[in-house]
Protein backbone atom coordinates (compact mmCIF):
# COMPACT_ATOMS: atom_id res chain seq x y z
CA MET A 1 64.15 112.45 11.63
CA LEU A 2 60.83 114.25 12.11
CA ARG A 3 61.81 115.21 15.64
CA ARG A 4 65.21 116.45 14.51
CA TRP A 5 63.53 118.75 12.00
CA GLY A 6 60.86 119.83 14.49
CA LEU A 7 58.08 118.26 12.43
CA GLY A 8 56.73 115.72 14.93
CA THR A 9 53.79 117.84 16.05
CA PRO A 10 52.78 118.99 12.54
CA ALA A 11 53.08 115.42 11.22
CA SER A 12 50.90 114.05 14.02
CA ALA A 13 48.33 116.79 13.41
CA VAL A 14 48.21 115.95 9.70
CA LEU A 15 47.81 112.23 10.44
CA ASP A 16 44.99 112.96 12.89
CA ALA A 17 43.21 115.40 10.58
CA ALA A 18 43.60 113.35 7.40
CA GLY A 19 41.60 110.40 8.72
CA PRO A 20 40.43 108.31 5.75
CA LEU A 21 42.54 110.37 3.35
CA THR A 22 45.62 108.56 4.63
CA THR A 23 44.55 105.60 2.46
CA LEU A 24 44.68 107.87 -0.58
CA ALA A 25 48.07 109.16 0.55
CA ALA A 26 49.28 105.55 0.82
CA GLN A 27 48.24 104.93 -2.76
CA LEU A 28 50.17 108.01 -3.87
CA VAL A 29 53.25 106.71 -2.06
CA TYR A 30 52.87 103.31 -3.75
CA PHE A 31 52.50 105.05 -7.11
CA GLY A 32 55.54 107.25 -6.52
CA GLN A 33 57.90 104.49 -5.38
CA PRO A 34 59.21 103.62 -8.84
CA LEU A 35 59.69 107.30 -9.61
CA LEU A 36 61.71 107.76 -6.42
CA GLY A 37 63.77 104.65 -7.00
CA SER A 38 62.53 102.81 -3.91
CA ALA A 39 60.35 100.07 -5.36
CA ASN A 40 61.92 97.30 -3.27
CA PRO A 41 59.50 95.78 -0.73
CA GLY A 42 61.67 96.54 2.32
CA SER A 43 62.07 100.25 1.70
CA GLN A 44 61.12 103.07 4.04
CA MET A 45 58.61 104.29 1.45
CA GLN A 46 56.94 100.87 1.50
CA ALA A 47 56.75 101.00 5.30
CA LEU A 48 55.28 104.51 5.16
CA ALA A 49 52.62 103.43 2.67
CA GLU A 50 51.69 100.39 4.76
CA MET A 51 51.42 102.54 7.89
CA LEU A 52 49.22 105.06 6.09
CA GLU A 53 46.92 102.31 4.82
CA ASN A 54 46.21 101.05 8.32
CA GLN A 55 44.11 103.58 10.27
CA LYS A 56 45.01 102.04 13.62
CA GLU A 57 48.74 102.23 12.85
CA SER A 58 48.41 105.83 11.62
CA ARG A 59 46.71 106.88 14.85
CA SER A 60 49.27 104.98 16.89
CA PHE A 61 52.15 106.66 15.04
CA ALA A 62 50.55 110.08 15.52
CA ALA A 63 50.28 109.39 19.26
CA PHE A 64 53.92 108.28 19.32
CA LEU A 65 54.98 111.52 17.60
CA ARG A 66 53.04 113.62 20.10
CA GLU A 67 54.61 111.70 22.99
CA GLU A 68 58.10 112.18 21.56
CA GLU A 69 57.53 115.92 21.09
CA SER A 70 56.42 116.32 24.69
CA ARG A 71 59.72 114.99 26.03
């Protein structure tokens, strides 16, 4: 979806620049889940929050986005 909207590069840049702030972003996603109606454990919002919490996964996802954009 990010690639389709042309947001792969900006999203990877934000993930790279945010560093430790991604943990705070994950907490905001967790907090917002009930408000967005996606409080079930298998939701995409849950997966996003878990990815943001893990620094290694965030960096890996940013690298994946950059690779996808270069194709």
